[in-house]
Amino acid sequence: MRKDMSGFLQKIGDVIGKERVIFDEELLETYREAGPVTGVSPAGLVKPHGVEQVREIIELAREESANLIFSSSSPPRFRGDTVPEEEGIIVDMSGMDNIVRIDRRNKVALIEPGVTFPELYAAVEKEGLKVLMPLLPRQGKSVIASCLEREPIQIPKYHWDMTDPLLCTELVFGTGDVFRTGSAAGPGSLEQQWAAGGAQKNPMGPAQTDFARLVQGSQGTLAAVTWATVKLELKPTIHKMYFVPGDGLPELMEFTYRALRPKLGDEFFILNSYALATIITDDASQIESMASRQSPYTVVYGVSGYAHLPAKRVSYQEKDLSDIAAEIGCQITREIPGCKADEMESILESCSPADYYKMQPKGDFLDIFFLTTMDQVPFFIGKMEEVAEKFDYPPEQLGVYIQPIQHGRSVHLEFTLYYDGKDEEKARQIKQLFREASETLAGVGAFFSRPYGYWADLAYSRCPDSVEVLRKIKKMVDPDGILNRGKLCFEEVK
């Protein structure tokens, strides 16, 4: 334990219990590095139980000018938002893991930050509901953390706004003030709102404010979230998966555009052969051969029927999608090499195996992802492959994931670089490739809306006006600068 933090940690122990203050060096070391981001090991870890303890920890941090980094997901971690930029304390919210309420009528769940995807999935399935999940989240991933990070969900037609599926939140700002957003703000307590039929479903407000949107994506620099409501959907009574393999992207992009415009299908995304192989096989030695058997790109989509006339709902969507494919010259199939439709359905309804699926090919990976529009995807893929070839990275081993969002108006484009982290020289080359590719893509229009680590400079250096406004907001909600100090754009350049 570091001497200069011992008094502060002792004070926290007096508030939340000494057993909730942890100094396990092996555990603390897991926070020092994540993906391309390297920082310092935290001085300790504390595990609050409840909003009042969170508020008291923040009040103590203000007195001591301590750095607090809030976390709620178990390792491994890949983005770097919880890596301390300077000496600090990890506030581990994973013990706050209550599923407070599931409202089937309004299709919403109120959960604490420690609730993971497997836990929420099992709970809502009993109510005939389904969780709007990103593609194969890791088992220990916090649902609220995923929503705050704006991870894209698989079903574009349910993605109305960039905040979806996050709804209302309870925040504790760096001032120690507790604040509720959206319809949860009142009038009345949560219990009174429930008695009146409220469900904390409207995320906007109170009044003209929208603090949830402000806090989302801020990597814990503006507030701690102690609970949130998340949007759910009905579990289908009929659910069928389909594949549309293609030699090139243009026809698959056209198929996707035309399918999403009238909101046909549920799950809808595109994978290249290597990314698809990492999903459909759990044998690392078979990934390259499996990839070689696939088409260069494949659309994966699902069609669902619900309680009312499910067969007819599925039938008309199948026909409309078949007509679109025929007009474009695509072929829809229920089976691709190594994977049948029902197998893909089972894969997408679950989380990653114990070892995250992207770790299978080589043991380690780095992701480069950003927002763009579908028509720009081939251009960005070309740029990414140019940089990969410069570093002798085989383009055929590059993972490409294209996830339409907001009803298909834009896309989340993700490149995955797989490598063996035990090979120090290879790891160094991949990190250099990561940086050069990020710079190249940002320079030609890639929008890094989730600026982790190195990307923060890439994103904020291009928009000084936004930086000025955000610094003013930071001063308002975290005047002492105690929340995840050094992250994003809030400190002046030294």
Protein backbone atom coordinates (compact mmCIF):
# COMPACT_ATOMS: atom_id res chain seq x y z
CA MET A 1 0.00 0.00 0.00
CA ARG A 2 1.31 3.45 -0.87
CA LYS A 3 1.86 5.65 2.16
CA ASP A 4 0.29 8.79 0.72
CA MET A 5 -3.04 7.00 0.18
CA SER A 6 -3.16 4.98 3.39
CA GLY A 7 -5.00 7.61 5.42
CA PHE A 8 -7.62 8.09 2.72
CA LEU A 9 -8.18 4.34 2.36
CA GLN A 10 -8.49 3.98 6.11
CA LYS A 11 -11.20 6.66 6.15
CA ILE A 12 -13.08 4.79 3.42
CA GLY A 13 -12.76 1.57 5.43
CA ASP A 14 -14.33 3.32 8.40
CA VAL A 15 -17.32 4.22 6.21
CA ILE A 16 -17.91 1.07 4.16
CA GLY A 17 -16.16 -1.57 6.28
CA LYS A 18 -12.49 -2.50 6.31
CA GLU A 19 -13.25 -5.81 4.58
CA ARG A 20 -14.36 -3.79 1.54
CA VAL A 21 -10.95 -2.16 1.13
CA ILE A 22 -8.63 -4.42 -0.87
CA PHE A 23 -4.86 -4.29 -1.40
CA ASP A 24 -4.34 -7.50 -3.41
CA GLU A 25 -1.37 -6.57 -5.63
CA GLU A 26 -2.21 -9.22 -8.24
CA LEU A 27 -5.76 -7.88 -8.54
CA LEU A 28 -4.64 -4.24 -8.63
CA GLU A 29 -2.14 -5.03 -11.37
CA THR A 30 -5.00 -6.12 -13.68
CA TYR A 31 -6.07 -2.45 -13.80
CA ARG A 32 -2.67 -1.16 -14.98
CA GLU A 33 -3.13 -2.08 -18.64
CA ALA A 34 -6.01 -2.82 -21.00
CA GLY A 35 -5.71 -3.17 -24.76
CA PRO A 36 -3.52 -0.36 -26.08
CA VAL A 37 -3.78 1.72 -22.88
CA THR A 38 -1.10 1.55 -20.16
CA GLY A 39 -1.22 3.53 -16.94
CA VAL A 40 -0.31 2.97 -13.30
CA SER A 41 -1.46 0.39 -10.79
CA PRO A 42 -4.08 1.72 -8.38
CA ALA A 43 -3.15 2.16 -4.71
CA GLY A 44 -6.16 0.15 -3.62
CA LEU A 45 -9.66 -1.02 -4.47
CA VAL A 46 -12.87 -0.32 -2.57
CA LYS A 47 -16.23 -2.02 -2.96
CA PRO A 48 -19.17 0.17 -1.93
CA HIS A 49 -22.62 -1.22 -1.33
CA GLY A 50 -25.30 1.31 -2.20
CA VAL A 51 -25.58 4.89 -3.36
CA GLU A 52 -24.94 6.40 0.07
CA GLN A 53 -21.57 4.69 0.34
CA VAL A 54 -20.68 5.87 -3.17
CA ARG A 55 -21.62 9.42 -2.19
CA GLU A 56 -19.54 9.25 1.00
CA ILE A 57 -16.50 7.94 -0.90
CA ILE A 58 -16.79 10.89 -3.29
CA GLU A 59 -17.07 13.34 -0.39
CA LEU A 60 -13.92 11.88 1.19
CA ALA A 61 -12.11 12.03 -2.15
CA ARG A 62 -12.91 15.74 -2.41
CA GLU A 63 -11.36 16.35 0.99
CA GLU A 64 -8.20 14.44 0.07
CA SER A 65 -8.08 15.46 -3.61
CA ALA A 66 -7.92 11.74 -4.43
CA ASN A 67 -8.46 10.20 -7.86
CA LEU A 68 -11.41 7.79 -8.17
CA ILE A 69 -11.79 5.35 -11.05
CA PHE A 70 -15.18 3.64 -11.14
CA SER A 71 -15.40 0.10 -12.52
CA SER A 72 -18.10 -2.57 -12.58
CA SER A 73 -16.92 -5.31 -14.97
CA SER A 74 -14.62 -8.19 -14.09
CA PRO A 75 -11.41 -8.84 -16.09
CA PRO A 76 -10.28 -9.23 -18.76
CA ARG A 77 -10.69 -5.60 -19.84
CA PHE A 78 -9.93 -4.35 -23.33
CA ARG A 79 -10.65 -0.61 -23.72
CA GLY A 80 -8.63 1.22 -21.08
CA ASP A 81 -11.32 3.46 -19.61
CA THR A 82 -10.64 2.05 -16.11
CA VAL A 83 -6.83 2.20 -16.39
CA PRO A 84 -5.63 4.92 -13.97
CA GLU A 85 -3.72 7.68 -15.74
CA GLU A 86 -2.23 8.63 -12.37
CA GLU A 87 -2.28 7.28 -8.86
CA GLY A 88 -5.81 6.57 -7.74
CA ILE A 89 -8.34 4.24 -6.15
CA ILE A 90 -10.56 1.78 -8.03
CA VAL A 91 -14.17 1.99 -6.89
CA ASP A 92 -15.48 -1.46 -7.80
CA MET A 93 -19.27 -1.37 -8.21
CA SER A 94 -19.61 -5.06 -9.10
CA GLY A 95 -21.01 -5.86 -5.66
CA MET A 96 -24.01 -3.65 -6.40
CA ASP A 97 -25.66 -6.35 -8.48
CA ASN A 98 -29.38 -6.21 -7.77
CA ILE A 99 -31.96 -6.54 -10.51
CA VAL A 100 -34.34 -4.17 -8.77
CA ARG A 101 -37.34 -4.44 -11.07
CA ILE A 102 -38.44 -6.02 -14.34
CA ASP A 103 -41.51 -4.48 -15.95
CA ARG A 104 -42.83 -6.71 -18.73
CA ARG A 105 -45.63 -4.38 -19.76
CA ASN A 106 -43.24 -1.50 -20.38
CA LYS A 107 -40.32 -3.74 -21.44
CA VAL A 108 -37.81 -2.21 -19.06
CA ALA A 109 -35.50 -3.39 -16.28
CA LEU A 110 -34.05 -1.33 -13.42
CA ILE A 111 -30.62 -2.73 -12.55
CA GLU A 112 -27.48 -1.89 -10.60
CA PRO A 113 -24.04 -1.63 -12.24
CA GLY A 114 -22.83 -5.06 -11.13
CA VAL A 115 -25.50 -6.92 -13.13
CA THR A 116 -23.90 -8.83 -16.00
CA PHE A 117 -25.41 -9.92 -19.30
CA PRO A 118 -25.85 -13.61 -18.32
CA GLU A 119 -27.59 -12.57 -15.10
CA LEU A 120 -29.99 -10.16 -16.77
CA TYR A 121 -30.64 -12.54 -19.68
CA ALA A 122 -31.68 -15.35 -17.32
CA ALA A 123 -33.91 -13.06 -15.27
CA VAL A 124 -35.81 -11.43 -18.14
CA GLU A 125 -36.23 -14.67 -20.08
CA LYS A 126 -38.53 -15.88 -17.31
CA GLU A 127 -40.76 -12.88 -18.09
CA GLY A 128 -40.82 -13.58 -21.83
CA LEU A 129 -38.38 -10.75 -22.58
CA LYS A 130 -34.97 -10.47 -24.21
CA VAL A 131 -31.91 -8.31 -23.59
CA LEU A 132 -30.64 -6.04 -26.37
CA MET A 133 -27.05 -7.25 -26.43
CA PRO A 134 -23.91 -6.33 -28.31
CA LEU A 135 -22.24 -9.08 -30.32
CA LEU A 136 -21.02 -11.80 -27.94
CA PRO A 137 -20.23 -9.70 -24.83
CA ARG A 138 -17.83 -11.24 -22.36
CA GLN A 139 -19.47 -13.04 -19.46
CA GLY A 140 -18.37 -10.60 -16.78
CA LYS A 141 -19.43 -7.50 -18.71
CA SER A 142 -21.66 -5.11 -16.81
CA VAL A 143 -24.86 -4.29 -18.71
CA ILE A 144 -24.80 -0.69 -17.51
CA ALA A 145 -21.12 -0.31 -18.44
CA SER A 146 -21.91 -1.59 -21.94
CA CYS A 147 -24.74 0.93 -22.29
CA LEU A 148 -22.60 3.77 -20.97
CA GLU A 149 -19.88 2.85 -23.46
CA ARG A 150 -22.45 2.90 -26.27
CA GLU A 151 -21.56 -0.58 -27.47
CA PRO A 152 -23.70 -1.25 -30.57
CA ILE A 153 -26.54 -3.75 -30.25
CA GLN A 154 -27.23 -6.41 -32.87
CA ILE A 155 -30.74 -5.22 -33.81
CA PRO A 156 -30.68 -1.89 -35.72
CA LYS A 157 -34.46 -1.45 -35.81
CA TYR A 158 -34.52 -1.15 -31.99
CA HIS A 159 -31.69 1.37 -32.00
CA TRP A 160 -33.61 4.63 -32.24
CA ASP A 161 -31.04 6.91 -30.68
CA MET A 162 -27.36 6.75 -29.74
CA THR A 163 -28.38 6.39 -26.07
CA ASP A 164 -30.35 3.18 -26.67
CA PRO A 165 -30.89 0.90 -24.85
CA LEU A 166 -30.00 3.11 -21.87
CA LEU A 167 -33.00 4.93 -20.36
CA CYS A 168 -33.03 6.62 -16.93
CA THR A 169 -30.10 6.76 -14.52
CA GLU A 170 -29.18 7.61 -10.96
CA LEU A 171 -25.96 9.62 -10.92
CA VAL A 172 -23.57 10.78 -8.22
CA PHE A 173 -21.60 13.75 -9.52
CA GLY A 174 -18.12 14.72 -8.39
CA THR A 175 -19.79 17.23 -6.06
CA GLY A 176 -21.38 14.36 -4.12
CA ASP A 177 -24.86 15.34 -5.35
CA VAL A 178 -27.25 12.50 -6.22
CA PHE A 179 -29.27 13.18 -9.37
CA ARG A 180 -31.84 11.17 -11.31
CA THR A 181 -32.36 11.61 -15.03
CA GLY A 182 -35.36 11.26 -17.30
CA SER A 183 -38.75 10.36 -15.90
CA ALA A 184 -37.02 8.87 -12.83
CA ALA A 185 -36.39 12.44 -11.64
CA GLY A 186 -39.93 12.68 -10.38
CA PRO A 187 -42.24 13.76 -9.07
CA GLY A 188 -42.18 11.26 -6.23
CA SER A 189 -39.92 8.41 -5.20
CA LEU A 190 -39.42 5.35 -7.39
CA GLU A 191 -42.00 3.46 -5.35
CA GLN A 192 -44.53 6.25 -5.76
CA GLN A 193 -43.86 6.36 -9.50
CA TRP A 194 -44.36 2.58 -9.76
CA ALA A 195 -47.63 2.82 -7.83
CA ALA A 196 -48.82 5.43 -10.34
CA GLY A 197 -47.85 3.20 -13.29
CA GLY A 198 -44.51 4.83 -14.06
CA ALA A 199 -41.62 2.72 -15.34
CA GLN A 200 -38.66 5.13 -15.61
CA LYS A 201 -38.72 4.63 -19.37
CA ASN A 202 -38.42 8.15 -20.77
CA PRO A 203 -34.69 9.01 -20.79
CA MET A 204 -35.06 12.72 -21.56
CA GLY A 205 -35.09 15.35 -18.86
CA PRO A 206 -35.81 16.47 -16.26
CA ALA A 207 -37.03 19.60 -18.01
CA GLN A 208 -34.63 20.56 -20.81
CA THR A 209 -31.57 18.82 -19.33
CA ASP A 210 -30.14 15.57 -20.65
CA PHE A 211 -27.43 14.57 -18.19
CA ALA A 212 -27.64 10.88 -19.11
CA ARG A 213 -26.53 11.72 -22.63
CA LEU A 214 -23.72 13.83 -21.20
CA VAL A 215 -22.47 11.12 -18.84
CA GLN A 216 -22.75 8.37 -21.45
CA GLY A 217 -19.37 7.83 -23.06
CA SER A 218 -17.55 10.00 -20.50
CA GLN A 219 -15.57 7.03 -19.11
CA GLY A 220 -16.46 7.86 -15.51
CA THR A 221 -15.04 11.39 -15.65
CA LEU A 222 -18.30 13.21 -14.89
CA ALA A 223 -20.36 10.97 -12.58
CA ALA A 224 -20.82 7.52 -11.11
CA VAL A 225 -23.95 5.61 -12.15
CA THR A 226 -25.51 3.68 -9.27
CA TRP A 227 -28.49 2.27 -11.17
CA ALA A 228 -30.13 2.58 -14.56
CA THR A 229 -33.14 1.40 -16.48
CA VAL A 230 -32.49 -0.42 -19.74
CA LYS A 231 -34.82 -1.13 -22.61
CA LEU A 232 -35.88 -4.73 -23.24
CA GLU A 233 -37.88 -6.37 -26.02
CA LEU A 234 -40.31 -9.27 -26.25
CA LYS A 235 -38.81 -12.71 -26.67
CA PRO A 236 -39.93 -14.11 -30.04
CA THR A 237 -42.07 -17.21 -30.26
CA ILE A 238 -40.51 -17.91 -33.68
CA HIS A 239 -36.96 -16.88 -34.47
CA LYS A 240 -35.04 -17.88 -37.61
CA MET A 241 -31.54 -16.93 -38.71
CA TYR A 242 -30.29 -16.51 -42.28
CA PHE A 243 -27.03 -15.90 -44.12
CA VAL A 244 -26.32 -13.93 -47.27
CA PRO A 245 -22.77 -14.76 -48.43
CA GLY A 246 -21.15 -12.51 -51.02
CA ASP A 247 -17.90 -12.14 -52.92
CA GLY A 248 -17.99 -8.36 -52.57
CA LEU A 249 -19.51 -5.73 -50.34
CA PRO A 250 -21.57 -3.61 -52.81
CA GLU A 251 -24.43 -6.09 -53.24
CA LEU A 252 -24.47 -6.94 -49.51
CA MET A 253 -24.54 -3.25 -48.62
CA GLU A 254 -27.44 -2.68 -51.00
CA PHE A 255 -29.28 -5.67 -49.54
CA THR A 256 -28.74 -4.28 -46.02
CA TYR A 257 -29.87 -0.78 -46.96
CA ARG A 258 -33.05 -2.03 -48.60
CA ALA A 259 -33.87 -4.46 -45.79
CA LEU A 260 -33.42 -1.97 -42.97
CA ARG A 261 -35.30 0.90 -44.57
CA PRO A 262 -38.72 -0.79 -43.95
CA LYS A 263 -37.35 -2.30 -40.70
CA LEU A 264 -37.27 -5.90 -41.91
CA GLY A 265 -35.41 -8.44 -39.81
CA ASP A 266 -34.11 -8.28 -36.26
CA GLU A 267 -30.39 -9.04 -35.89
CA PHE A 268 -28.56 -7.57 -38.87
CA PHE A 269 -24.81 -7.26 -39.40
CA ILE A 270 -21.96 -8.14 -41.77
CA LEU A 271 -18.78 -10.07 -40.99
CA ASN A 272 -15.78 -10.82 -43.13
CA SER A 273 -14.59 -14.41 -43.40
CA TYR A 274 -12.04 -14.27 -40.57
CA ALA A 275 -14.33 -12.53 -38.07
CA LEU A 276 -17.09 -15.02 -38.92
CA ALA A 277 -14.73 -17.96 -38.38
CA THR A 278 -13.80 -16.73 -34.89
CA ILE A 279 -17.49 -16.82 -33.97
CA ILE A 280 -18.55 -20.18 -35.41
CA THR A 281 -15.60 -22.31 -34.26
CA ASP A 282 -14.22 -22.75 -30.76
CA ASP A 283 -11.08 -24.51 -32.01
CA ALA A 284 -8.31 -21.97 -32.56
CA SER A 285 -6.39 -24.34 -34.82
CA GLN A 286 -9.35 -24.48 -37.21
CA ILE A 287 -10.03 -20.76 -37.57
CA GLU A 288 -7.87 -20.12 -40.63
CA SER A 289 -9.19 -23.17 -42.49
CA MET A 290 -12.75 -22.25 -41.51
CA ALA A 291 -12.20 -18.70 -42.77
CA SER A 292 -10.91 -20.02 -46.10
CA ARG A 293 -14.21 -21.87 -46.62
CA GLN A 294 -16.35 -18.75 -46.18
CA SER A 295 -17.29 -16.09 -48.69
CA PRO A 296 -15.29 -12.86 -48.27
CA TYR A 297 -18.27 -11.22 -46.53
CA THR A 298 -21.52 -12.57 -45.08
CA VAL A 299 -24.67 -10.81 -43.92
CA VAL A 300 -26.15 -12.44 -40.82
CA TYR A 301 -29.77 -11.58 -40.05
CA GLY A 302 -32.68 -12.88 -38.04
CA VAL A 303 -36.45 -12.82 -38.51
CA SER A 304 -38.88 -13.03 -35.59
CA GLY A 305 -42.54 -13.61 -34.88
CA TYR A 306 -44.12 -12.71 -31.56
CA ALA A 307 -47.33 -13.51 -29.70
CA HIS A 308 -49.76 -12.31 -32.38
CA LEU A 309 -49.73 -14.13 -35.73
CA PRO A 310 -46.04 -15.07 -35.44
CA ALA A 311 -45.99 -17.35 -38.49
CA LYS A 312 -47.52 -14.68 -40.73
CA ARG A 313 -45.09 -12.07 -39.46
CA VAL A 314 -42.16 -14.31 -40.25
CA SER A 315 -43.61 -15.32 -43.60
CA TYR A 316 -44.06 -11.82 -45.00
CA GLN A 317 -40.59 -10.78 -43.88
CA GLU A 318 -39.05 -13.87 -45.43
CA LYS A 319 -40.81 -13.12 -48.71
CA ASP A 320 -39.88 -9.43 -48.76
CA LEU A 321 -36.24 -10.17 -47.96
CA SER A 322 -36.17 -12.91 -50.58
CA ASP A 323 -37.55 -10.50 -53.18
CA ILE A 324 -34.90 -7.90 -52.31
CA ALA A 325 -32.13 -10.50 -52.58
CA ALA A 326 -33.42 -11.72 -55.95
CA GLU A 327 -33.53 -8.18 -57.36
CA ILE A 328 -29.93 -7.52 -56.25
CA GLY A 329 -28.60 -10.94 -57.21
CA CYS A 330 -27.83 -12.21 -53.69
CA GLN A 331 -28.56 -15.68 -52.40
CA ILE A 332 -30.10 -16.30 -48.99
CA THR A 333 -29.18 -19.52 -47.24
CA ARG A 334 -29.82 -21.22 -43.93
CA GLU A 335 -26.38 -22.80 -43.79
CA ILE A 336 -22.80 -21.75 -44.40
CA PRO A 337 -19.67 -23.92 -44.09
CA GLY A 338 -19.35 -24.97 -40.48
CA CYS A 339 -22.55 -23.36 -39.20
CA LYS A 340 -26.29 -23.92 -39.56
CA ALA A 341 -28.91 -21.28 -38.89
CA ASP A 342 -30.04 -22.75 -35.57
CA GLU A 343 -26.43 -22.90 -34.41
CA MET A 344 -25.95 -19.21 -35.19
CA GLU A 345 -29.15 -18.45 -33.28
CA SER A 346 -27.73 -20.20 -30.23
CA ILE A 347 -24.41 -18.36 -30.58
CA LEU A 348 -25.98 -14.91 -30.77
CA GLU A 349 -28.26 -15.47 -27.80
CA SER A 350 -25.31 -16.19 -25.53
CA CYS A 351 -22.20 -14.43 -24.27
CA SER A 352 -18.64 -15.23 -25.22
CA PRO A 353 -17.05 -18.39 -23.82
CA ALA A 354 -14.96 -18.04 -20.66
CA ASP A 355 -12.10 -16.90 -22.88
CA TYR A 356 -13.38 -13.97 -24.94
CA TYR A 357 -13.96 -15.10 -28.53
CA LYS A 358 -11.51 -12.60 -30.01
CA MET A 359 -8.72 -14.10 -27.91
CA GLN A 360 -9.08 -17.48 -29.60
CA PRO A 361 -7.03 -16.97 -32.78
CA LYS A 362 -3.74 -15.73 -31.31
CA GLY A 363 -4.32 -15.03 -27.62
CA ASP A 364 -4.47 -11.22 -27.85
CA PHE A 365 -6.13 -8.61 -30.04
CA LEU A 366 -6.60 -4.89 -30.57
CA ASP A 367 -9.78 -3.32 -31.96
CA ILE A 368 -10.09 -0.18 -34.04
CA PHE A 369 -13.71 0.96 -34.28
CA PHE A 370 -15.53 4.12 -35.22
CA LEU A 371 -18.74 5.45 -36.77
CA THR A 372 -19.27 6.05 -40.45
CA THR A 373 -21.93 5.49 -43.12
CA MET A 374 -22.43 2.28 -45.05
CA ASP A 375 -21.33 3.76 -48.37
CA GLN A 376 -17.92 4.67 -46.88
CA VAL A 377 -17.20 1.18 -45.53
CA PRO A 378 -15.29 -0.15 -48.59
CA PHE A 379 -13.13 2.97 -48.61
CA PHE A 380 -12.16 2.54 -44.95
CA ILE A 381 -11.52 -1.19 -45.40
CA GLY A 382 -9.16 -0.33 -48.26
CA LYS A 383 -7.29 2.18 -46.09
CA MET A 384 -7.04 -0.31 -43.22
CA GLU A 385 -5.67 -3.01 -45.50
CA GLU A 386 -3.08 -0.60 -46.91
CA VAL A 387 -1.69 0.09 -43.45
CA ALA A 388 -1.86 -3.61 -42.49
CA GLU A 389 0.18 -4.57 -45.56
CA LYS A 390 2.77 -1.93 -44.68
CA PHE A 391 3.36 -3.78 -41.41
CA ASP A 392 3.24 -7.23 -43.09
CA TYR A 393 -0.03 -8.04 -41.36
CA PRO A 394 -1.98 -10.45 -43.64
CA PRO A 395 -5.21 -8.65 -44.70
CA GLU A 396 -6.96 -12.02 -44.87
CA GLN A 397 -6.41 -12.36 -41.09
CA LEU A 398 -7.97 -8.99 -40.32
CA GLY A 399 -11.36 -9.16 -38.62
CA VAL A 400 -14.07 -6.87 -40.04
CA TYR A 401 -17.42 -6.34 -38.30
CA ILE A 402 -20.00 -3.99 -39.83
CA GLN A 403 -22.92 -3.26 -37.48
CA PRO A 404 -25.69 -0.98 -38.77
CA ILE A 405 -27.06 1.29 -36.04
CA GLN A 406 -29.94 3.77 -35.77
CA HIS A 407 -32.12 1.85 -38.22
CA GLY A 408 -29.19 1.61 -40.64
CA ARG A 409 -28.62 5.35 -40.95
CA SER A 410 -24.99 4.81 -39.94
CA VAL A 411 -22.71 1.93 -39.01
CA HIS A 412 -20.24 0.87 -36.35
CA LEU A 413 -17.20 -0.32 -38.32
CA GLU A 414 -14.75 -2.46 -36.37
CA PHE A 415 -11.37 -3.89 -37.35
CA THR A 416 -9.69 -6.53 -35.18
CA LEU A 417 -5.95 -7.18 -35.18
CA TYR A 418 -5.14 -10.61 -33.73
CA TYR A 419 -1.66 -11.30 -32.36
CA ASP A 420 0.40 -13.27 -29.86
CA GLY A 421 1.09 -10.96 -26.94
CA LYS A 422 3.82 -13.27 -25.62
CA ASP A 423 5.92 -12.37 -28.65
CA GLU A 424 7.23 -8.98 -27.53
CA GLU A 425 8.42 -7.92 -30.98
CA LYS A 426 5.11 -8.87 -32.59
CA ALA A 427 3.19 -7.05 -29.86
CA ARG A 428 5.28 -3.93 -30.44
CA GLN A 429 4.61 -4.06 -34.19
CA ILE A 430 0.87 -4.54 -33.70
CA LYS A 431 0.66 -1.57 -31.33
CA GLN A 432 2.56 0.53 -33.85
CA LEU A 433 0.17 -0.67 -36.58
CA PHE A 434 -2.76 0.19 -34.31
CA ARG A 435 -1.54 3.76 -33.85
CA GLU A 436 -0.71 4.39 -37.51
CA ALA A 437 -3.99 2.86 -38.70
CA SER A 438 -5.93 4.96 -36.16
CA GLU A 439 -4.21 8.13 -37.36
CA THR A 440 -4.76 7.25 -41.01
CA LEU A 441 -8.45 6.45 -40.55
CA ALA A 442 -9.09 9.55 -38.43
CA GLY A 443 -7.36 11.63 -41.08
CA VAL A 444 -9.77 10.49 -43.78
CA GLY A 445 -12.99 10.90 -41.81
CA ALA A 446 -13.36 8.09 -39.27
CA PHE A 447 -15.41 9.39 -36.32
CA PHE A 448 -14.02 7.98 -33.06
CA SER A 449 -17.11 8.51 -30.91
CA ARG A 450 -15.68 6.38 -28.09
CA PRO A 451 -12.20 7.90 -27.68
CA TYR A 452 -10.33 5.47 -25.46
CA GLY A 453 -6.69 6.13 -24.66
CA TYR A 454 -4.72 7.34 -27.67
CA TRP A 455 -7.94 8.07 -29.58
CA ALA A 456 -8.84 10.87 -27.15
CA ASP A 457 -6.16 13.11 -28.65
CA LEU A 458 -7.20 12.12 -32.18
CA ALA A 459 -10.81 13.01 -31.50
CA TYR A 460 -10.55 16.14 -29.35
CA SER A 461 -7.67 17.78 -31.22
CA ARG A 462 -10.05 18.16 -34.15
CA CYS A 463 -12.71 19.99 -32.16
CA PRO A 464 -11.33 22.63 -29.75
CA ASP A 465 -14.77 24.21 -29.30
CA SER A 466 -16.13 20.96 -27.87
CA VAL A 467 -13.12 20.69 -25.57
CA GLU A 468 -13.79 24.17 -24.18
CA VAL A 469 -17.44 23.37 -23.48
CA LEU A 470 -16.65 20.00 -21.91
CA ARG A 471 -14.08 21.53 -19.59
CA LYS A 472 -16.69 23.99 -18.36
CA ILE A 473 -19.11 21.13 -17.70
CA LYS A 474 -16.40 19.18 -15.89
CA LYS A 475 -15.84 22.18 -13.60
CA MET A 476 -19.56 22.26 -12.83
CA VAL A 477 -20.12 18.58 -12.01
CA ASP A 478 -16.63 17.64 -10.78
CA PRO A 479 -15.06 20.89 -9.54
CA ASP A 480 -12.25 19.16 -7.66
CA GLY A 481 -11.30 16.90 -10.57
CA ILE A 482 -11.54 13.67 -8.58
CA LEU A 483 -13.21 11.46 -11.21
CA ASN A 484 -10.87 9.44 -13.45
CA ARG A 485 -8.30 12.19 -13.53
CA GLY A 486 -6.27 12.50 -16.73
CA LYS A 487 -8.83 10.86 -19.01
CA LEU A 488 -10.31 12.48 -22.11
CA CYS A 489 -9.78 16.21 -22.64
CA PHE A 490 -10.35 17.74 -19.24
CA GLU A 491 -6.80 18.60 -18.19
CA GLU A 492 -4.85 21.39 -19.81
CA VAL A 493 -1.92 20.24 -21.93
CA LYS A 494 1.23 20.44 -19.79
